[in-house]
Amino acid sequence: MRRLVFAAALLAVASAGIYTLVSASFAHQAKTLTFAERFAPALELMEKR
């Protein structure tokens, strides 16, 4: 029973650590785009029609 509790706690800590690492990685790469930068491909397609 102790082994099961230890395994569950270890899994929870590992999951939280991986989630934090991935979130920090995405936050570091994220850049706020302007409206024109975000929708430029769609605006170009709309202009061609």
N, C-alpha and C. Protein backbone atom coordinates (compact mmCIF):
# COMPACT_ATOMS: atom_id res chain seq x y z
N MET A 1 0.82 -1.20 0.00
CA MET A 1 0.00 0.00 0.00
C MET A 1 0.86 1.26 0.00
N ARG A 2 1.96 1.22 0.78
CA ARG A 2 2.86 2.36 0.81
C ARG A 2 3.49 2.59 -0.56
N ARG A 3 3.78 1.52 -1.24
CA ARG A 3 4.40 1.62 -2.57
C ARG A 3 3.44 2.31 -3.54
N LEU A 4 2.16 1.99 -3.45
CA LEU A 4 1.16 2.61 -4.32
C LEU A 4 1.03 4.11 -4.05
N VAL A 5 1.02 4.48 -2.78
CA VAL A 5 0.93 5.89 -2.42
C VAL A 5 2.18 6.63 -2.89
N PHE A 6 3.34 6.03 -2.70
CA PHE A 6 4.59 6.65 -3.14
C PHE A 6 4.60 6.81 -4.65
N ALA A 7 4.16 5.81 -5.38
CA ALA A 7 4.13 5.88 -6.85
C ALA A 7 3.17 6.97 -7.32
N ALA A 8 2.02 7.07 -6.68
CA ALA A 8 1.05 8.11 -7.06
C ALA A 8 1.61 9.50 -6.78
N ALA A 9 2.26 9.68 -5.64
CA ALA A 9 2.85 10.98 -5.31
C ALA A 9 3.97 11.32 -6.28
N LEU A 10 4.79 10.35 -6.61
CA LEU A 10 5.88 10.58 -7.56
C LEU A 10 5.34 10.94 -8.93
N LEU A 11 4.29 10.28 -9.36
CA LEU A 11 3.67 10.58 -10.65
C LEU A 11 3.08 11.98 -10.66
N ALA A 12 2.46 12.39 -9.56
CA ALA A 12 1.89 13.73 -9.47
C ALA A 12 2.97 14.81 -9.53
N VAL A 13 4.06 14.59 -8.83
CA VAL A 13 5.16 15.57 -8.84
C VAL A 13 5.80 15.63 -10.21
N ALA A 14 6.00 14.49 -10.84
CA ALA A 14 6.60 14.47 -12.19
C ALA A 14 5.68 15.16 -13.19
N SER A 15 4.39 14.92 -13.10
CA SER A 15 3.44 15.56 -14.01
C SER A 15 3.46 17.07 -13.84
N ALA A 16 3.48 17.53 -12.62
CA ALA A 16 3.51 18.98 -12.36
C ALA A 16 4.80 19.59 -12.88
N GLY A 17 5.90 18.89 -12.71
CA GLY A 17 7.18 19.40 -13.20
C GLY A 17 7.22 19.49 -14.71
N ILE A 18 6.73 18.48 -15.38
CA ILE A 18 6.73 18.49 -16.85
C ILE A 18 5.80 19.58 -17.36
N TYR A 19 4.63 19.73 -16.73
CA TYR A 19 3.68 20.77 -17.12
C TYR A 19 4.32 22.16 -16.97
N THR A 20 5.02 22.37 -15.87
CA THR A 20 5.68 23.66 -15.63
C THR A 20 6.76 23.92 -16.66
N LEU A 21 7.53 22.90 -16.98
CA LEU A 21 8.61 23.04 -17.96
C LEU A 21 8.06 23.38 -19.33
N VAL A 22 7.03 22.67 -19.76
CA VAL A 22 6.44 22.91 -21.08
C VAL A 22 5.78 24.28 -21.12
N SER A 23 5.08 24.67 -20.07
CA SER A 23 4.43 25.98 -20.04
C SER A 23 5.46 27.10 -20.11
N ALA A 24 6.54 26.96 -19.38
CA ALA A 24 7.59 27.98 -19.41
C ALA A 24 8.23 28.07 -20.78
N SER A 25 8.39 26.94 -21.43
CA SER A 25 8.98 26.93 -22.77
C SER A 25 8.08 27.67 -23.76
N PHE A 26 6.78 27.39 -23.71
CA PHE A 26 5.85 28.07 -24.61
C PHE A 26 5.76 29.55 -24.29
N ALA A 27 5.78 29.90 -23.03
CA ALA A 27 5.68 31.31 -22.65
C ALA A 27 6.91 32.07 -23.12
N HIS A 28 8.06 31.42 -23.11
CA HIS A 28 9.29 32.07 -23.55
C HIS A 28 9.25 32.33 -25.05
N GLN A 29 8.66 31.41 -25.81
CA GLN A 29 8.63 31.54 -27.26
C GLN A 29 7.48 32.42 -27.74
N ALA A 30 6.49 32.62 -26.90
CA ALA A 30 5.30 33.37 -27.31
C ALA A 30 5.65 34.82 -27.56
N LYS A 31 5.09 35.37 -28.60
CA LYS A 31 5.30 36.77 -28.94
C LYS A 31 3.94 37.37 -29.25
N THR A 32 3.68 38.55 -28.74
CA THR A 32 2.43 39.21 -29.02
C THR A 32 2.47 39.75 -30.44
N LEU A 33 1.51 39.33 -31.24
CA LEU A 33 1.45 39.78 -32.63
C LEU A 33 0.43 40.90 -32.78
N THR A 34 0.71 41.78 -33.73
CA THR A 34 -0.27 42.81 -34.03
C THR A 34 -1.39 42.21 -34.85
N PHE A 35 -2.45 42.95 -35.02
CA PHE A 35 -3.58 42.47 -35.81
C PHE A 35 -3.12 42.15 -37.23
N ALA A 36 -2.34 43.03 -37.82
CA ALA A 36 -1.89 42.83 -39.20
C ALA A 36 -1.00 41.60 -39.32
N GLU A 37 -0.13 41.37 -38.35
CA GLU A 37 0.74 40.19 -38.40
C GLU A 37 -0.06 38.90 -38.25
N ARG A 38 -1.04 38.92 -37.40
CA ARG A 38 -1.81 37.71 -37.14
C ARG A 38 -2.72 37.35 -38.30
N PHE A 39 -3.33 38.36 -38.92
CA PHE A 39 -4.33 38.09 -39.94
C PHE A 39 -3.85 38.42 -41.35
N ALA A 40 -2.57 38.65 -41.55
CA ALA A 40 -2.05 39.00 -42.86
C ALA A 40 -2.39 37.95 -43.93
N PRO A 41 -2.20 36.65 -43.67
CA PRO A 41 -2.54 35.67 -44.72
C PRO A 41 -4.02 35.72 -45.10
N ALA A 42 -4.89 35.88 -44.14
CA ALA A 42 -6.33 35.92 -44.44
C ALA A 42 -6.68 37.21 -45.18
N LEU A 43 -6.05 38.32 -44.80
CA LEU A 43 -6.34 39.58 -45.47
C LEU A 43 -5.89 39.54 -46.92
N GLU A 44 -4.75 38.90 -47.18
CA GLU A 44 -4.27 38.78 -48.56
C GLU A 44 -5.24 37.97 -49.40
N LEU A 45 -5.77 36.89 -48.84
CA LEU A 45 -6.72 36.08 -49.58
C LEU A 45 -8.01 36.84 -49.84
N MET A 46 -8.45 37.65 -48.89
CA MET A 46 -9.67 38.42 -49.07
C MET A 46 -9.49 39.49 -50.15
N GLU A 47 -8.28 40.07 -50.24
CA GLU A 47 -8.02 41.11 -51.24
C GLU A 47 -8.02 40.53 -52.64
N LYS A 48 -7.58 39.27 -52.79
CA LYS A 48 -7.51 38.66 -54.11
C LYS A 48 -8.88 38.35 -54.68
N ARG A 49 -9.89 38.21 -53.84
CA ARG A 49 -11.23 37.86 -54.34
C ARG A 49 -11.92 39.03 -54.96
